[in-house]
Amino acid sequence: MTNAAPVKAPKPLFSNVSPAVPSPCISVCRLDEQKVCTGCHRHVEDIREWRAATDERRREIVRQADQRRAQG
């Protein structure tokens, strides 16, 4: 008799979806020369990080995007 490890359910595609910090995406997904989205004003690396980010990191990403938006 073997002691097999319990089978884990597959990790969901969006593993850290949190309603606490909604995505700033407005479905206008175009990058400018600096690789910043012209719709949500997030940098492409912030967009990639979003799914795995904690709520605090998401808040920081949104703050940075708001600063970019204000700078025009």
N, C-alpha and C. Protein backbone atom coordinates (compact mmCIF):
# COMPACT_ATOMS: atom_id res chain seq x y z
N MET A 1 0.83 -1.17 0.00
CA MET A 1 0.00 0.00 0.00
C MET A 1 0.89 1.25 0.00
N THR A 2 0.60 2.21 -0.86
CA THR A 2 1.41 3.42 -0.93
C THR A 2 0.67 4.60 -0.32
N ASN A 3 1.42 5.52 0.16
CA ASN A 3 0.86 6.75 0.72
C ASN A 3 0.97 7.86 -0.32
N ALA A 4 0.06 7.86 -1.26
CA ALA A 4 0.08 8.87 -2.31
C ALA A 4 -0.39 10.21 -1.76
N ALA A 5 0.23 11.26 -2.28
CA ALA A 5 -0.18 12.61 -1.86
C ALA A 5 -1.58 12.88 -2.38
N PRO A 6 -2.37 13.64 -1.64
CA PRO A 6 -3.71 13.95 -2.12
C PRO A 6 -3.65 14.74 -3.42
N VAL A 7 -4.60 14.48 -4.27
CA VAL A 7 -4.66 15.16 -5.55
C VAL A 7 -5.19 16.58 -5.33
N LYS A 8 -4.44 17.56 -5.84
CA LYS A 8 -4.86 18.96 -5.69
C LYS A 8 -5.67 19.37 -6.92
N ALA A 9 -6.65 20.19 -6.69
CA ALA A 9 -7.42 20.73 -7.81
C ALA A 9 -6.53 21.64 -8.63
N PRO A 10 -6.76 21.71 -9.94
CA PRO A 10 -5.93 22.60 -10.75
C PRO A 10 -6.09 24.05 -10.31
N LYS A 11 -4.99 24.79 -10.41
CA LYS A 11 -5.01 26.19 -10.04
C LYS A 11 -5.88 26.95 -11.04
N PRO A 12 -6.79 27.79 -10.55
CA PRO A 12 -7.64 28.55 -11.47
C PRO A 12 -6.82 29.49 -12.32
N LEU A 13 -7.30 29.79 -13.52
CA LEU A 13 -6.60 30.67 -14.45
C LEU A 13 -6.33 32.02 -13.79
N PHE A 14 -7.32 32.60 -13.15
CA PHE A 14 -7.16 33.87 -12.47
C PHE A 14 -7.07 33.55 -10.98
N SER A 15 -5.86 33.27 -10.52
CA SER A 15 -5.70 32.75 -9.17
C SER A 15 -5.83 33.80 -8.08
N ASN A 16 -5.71 35.07 -8.41
CA ASN A 16 -5.76 36.08 -7.36
C ASN A 16 -6.77 37.16 -7.72
N VAL A 17 -7.91 36.77 -8.23
CA VAL A 17 -8.95 37.75 -8.57
C VAL A 17 -9.53 38.26 -7.26
N SER A 18 -9.48 39.55 -7.09
CA SER A 18 -9.96 40.15 -5.85
C SER A 18 -10.89 41.30 -6.18
N PRO A 19 -12.08 41.29 -5.62
CA PRO A 19 -13.00 42.40 -5.87
C PRO A 19 -12.60 43.67 -5.11
N ALA A 20 -11.62 43.57 -4.20
CA ALA A 20 -11.21 44.73 -3.40
C ALA A 20 -10.57 45.82 -4.25
N VAL A 21 -9.86 45.43 -5.31
CA VAL A 21 -9.20 46.40 -6.18
C VAL A 21 -9.57 46.05 -7.62
N PRO A 22 -10.59 46.68 -8.16
CA PRO A 22 -11.01 46.35 -9.52
C PRO A 22 -9.97 46.78 -10.56
N SER A 23 -9.91 46.04 -11.62
CA SER A 23 -8.97 46.38 -12.70
C SER A 23 -9.34 47.72 -13.32
N PRO A 24 -8.33 48.55 -13.61
CA PRO A 24 -8.59 49.83 -14.27
C PRO A 24 -8.78 49.70 -15.78
N CYS A 25 -8.73 48.48 -16.30
CA CYS A 25 -8.87 48.26 -17.73
C CYS A 25 -10.21 48.79 -18.24
N ILE A 26 -10.16 49.54 -19.36
CA ILE A 26 -11.38 50.05 -19.98
C ILE A 26 -11.54 49.49 -21.40
N SER A 27 -10.81 48.43 -21.69
CA SER A 27 -10.86 47.73 -22.98
C SER A 27 -10.45 48.61 -24.16
N VAL A 28 -9.53 49.53 -23.91
CA VAL A 28 -8.88 50.30 -24.98
C VAL A 28 -7.41 49.94 -24.86
N CYS A 29 -7.05 48.81 -25.44
CA CYS A 29 -5.74 48.21 -25.20
C CYS A 29 -4.77 48.53 -26.34
N ARG A 30 -4.09 49.66 -26.17
CA ARG A 30 -3.07 50.08 -27.13
C ARG A 30 -1.89 50.63 -26.34
N LEU A 31 -0.70 50.20 -26.71
CA LEU A 31 0.50 50.66 -26.02
C LEU A 31 1.14 51.81 -26.78
N ASP A 32 1.63 52.80 -26.02
CA ASP A 32 2.35 53.91 -26.63
C ASP A 32 3.84 53.56 -26.74
N GLU A 33 4.67 54.54 -27.06
CA GLU A 33 6.11 54.30 -27.24
C GLU A 33 6.80 53.83 -25.96
N GLN A 34 6.27 54.22 -24.81
CA GLN A 34 6.86 53.82 -23.52
C GLN A 34 6.26 52.52 -22.99
N LYS A 35 5.47 51.85 -23.80
CA LYS A 35 4.81 50.59 -23.42
C LYS A 35 3.79 50.82 -22.30
N VAL A 36 3.10 51.95 -22.37
CA VAL A 36 2.03 52.28 -21.43
C VAL A 36 0.72 52.23 -22.19
N CYS A 37 -0.28 51.57 -21.63
CA CYS A 37 -1.58 51.46 -22.27
C CYS A 37 -2.25 52.83 -22.33
N THR A 38 -2.75 53.19 -23.49
CA THR A 38 -3.42 54.48 -23.65
C THR A 38 -4.82 54.47 -23.04
N GLY A 39 -5.33 53.32 -22.70
CA GLY A 39 -6.65 53.23 -22.07
C GLY A 39 -6.59 53.34 -20.56
N CYS A 40 -5.83 52.44 -19.92
CA CYS A 40 -5.79 52.39 -18.45
C CYS A 40 -4.55 53.05 -17.86
N HIS A 41 -3.58 53.37 -18.69
CA HIS A 41 -2.34 54.05 -18.28
C HIS A 41 -1.43 53.18 -17.42
N ARG A 42 -1.61 51.87 -17.50
CA ARG A 42 -0.68 50.97 -16.82
C ARG A 42 0.44 50.61 -17.77
N HIS A 43 1.65 50.42 -17.22
CA HIS A 43 2.77 49.94 -18.01
C HIS A 43 2.52 48.46 -18.33
N VAL A 44 3.05 48.00 -19.44
CA VAL A 44 2.82 46.62 -19.86
C VAL A 44 3.25 45.62 -18.78
N GLU A 45 4.33 45.91 -18.05
CA GLU A 45 4.76 45.01 -16.99
C GLU A 45 3.76 44.98 -15.83
N ASP A 46 3.12 46.13 -15.55
CA ASP A 46 2.09 46.16 -14.51
C ASP A 46 0.87 45.34 -14.93
N ILE A 47 0.54 45.41 -16.21
CA ILE A 47 -0.59 44.62 -16.74
C ILE A 47 -0.30 43.14 -16.59
N ARG A 48 0.91 42.74 -16.93
CA ARG A 48 1.30 41.33 -16.80
C ARG A 48 1.27 40.87 -15.35
N GLU A 49 1.67 41.75 -14.45
CA GLU A 49 1.76 41.40 -13.03
C GLU A 49 0.39 41.35 -12.35
N TRP A 50 -0.59 42.01 -12.91
CA TRP A 50 -1.88 42.24 -12.24
C TRP A 50 -2.49 40.98 -11.65
N ARG A 51 -2.54 39.89 -12.41
CA ARG A 51 -3.21 38.67 -11.94
C ARG A 51 -2.63 38.12 -10.66
N ALA A 52 -1.31 38.19 -10.53
CA ALA A 52 -0.65 37.60 -9.37
C ALA A 52 -0.41 38.61 -8.25
N ALA A 53 -0.72 39.88 -8.48
CA ALA A 53 -0.42 40.93 -7.51
C ALA A 53 -1.34 40.87 -6.29
N THR A 54 -0.79 41.27 -5.16
CA THR A 54 -1.61 41.41 -3.95
C THR A 54 -2.48 42.66 -4.10
N ASP A 55 -3.46 42.79 -3.23
CA ASP A 55 -4.31 43.98 -3.26
C ASP A 55 -3.48 45.25 -3.07
N GLU A 56 -2.51 45.21 -2.17
CA GLU A 56 -1.67 46.41 -1.93
C GLU A 56 -0.87 46.76 -3.18
N ARG A 57 -0.31 45.76 -3.84
CA ARG A 57 0.45 46.03 -5.07
C ARG A 57 -0.49 46.57 -6.15
N ARG A 58 -1.70 46.04 -6.23
CA ARG A 58 -2.67 46.54 -7.21
C ARG A 58 -3.00 48.00 -6.94
N ARG A 59 -3.14 48.35 -5.67
CA ARG A 59 -3.41 49.75 -5.34
C ARG A 59 -2.25 50.65 -5.81
N GLU A 60 -1.03 50.18 -5.64
CA GLU A 60 0.14 50.93 -6.10
C GLU A 60 0.13 51.07 -7.63
N ILE A 61 -0.18 50.00 -8.33
CA ILE A 61 -0.26 50.05 -9.79
C ILE A 61 -1.31 51.07 -10.23
N VAL A 62 -2.45 51.09 -9.56
CA VAL A 62 -3.51 52.04 -9.89
C VAL A 62 -3.05 53.47 -9.60
N ARG A 63 -2.36 53.69 -8.47
CA ARG A 63 -1.84 55.03 -8.15
C ARG A 63 -0.87 55.51 -9.23
N GLN A 64 0.02 54.62 -9.66
CA GLN A 64 0.98 54.99 -10.70
C GLN A 64 0.26 55.30 -12.01
N ALA A 65 -0.74 54.52 -12.34
CA ALA A 65 -1.50 54.76 -13.57
C ALA A 65 -2.24 56.10 -13.49
N ASP A 66 -2.79 56.41 -12.32
CA ASP A 66 -3.47 57.70 -12.13
C ASP A 66 -2.50 58.86 -12.31
N GLN A 67 -1.28 58.69 -11.82
CA GLN A 67 -0.26 59.73 -11.99
C GLN A 67 0.07 59.92 -13.47
N ARG A 68 0.21 58.81 -14.20
CA ARG A 68 0.49 58.91 -15.64
C ARG A 68 -0.65 59.62 -16.36
N ARG A 69 -1.87 59.26 -15.99
CA ARG A 69 -3.06 59.88 -16.62
C ARG A 69 -3.06 61.39 -16.37
N ALA A 70 -2.75 61.80 -15.15
CA ALA A 70 -2.76 63.22 -14.78
C ALA A 70 -1.67 64.00 -15.53
N GLN A 71 -0.56 63.33 -15.81
CA GLN A 71 0.54 63.98 -16.52
C GLN A 71 0.23 64.16 -18.01
N GLY A 72 -0.78 63.44 -18.46
CA GLY A 72 -1.26 63.58 -19.82
C GLY A 72 -0.40 62.92 -20.81
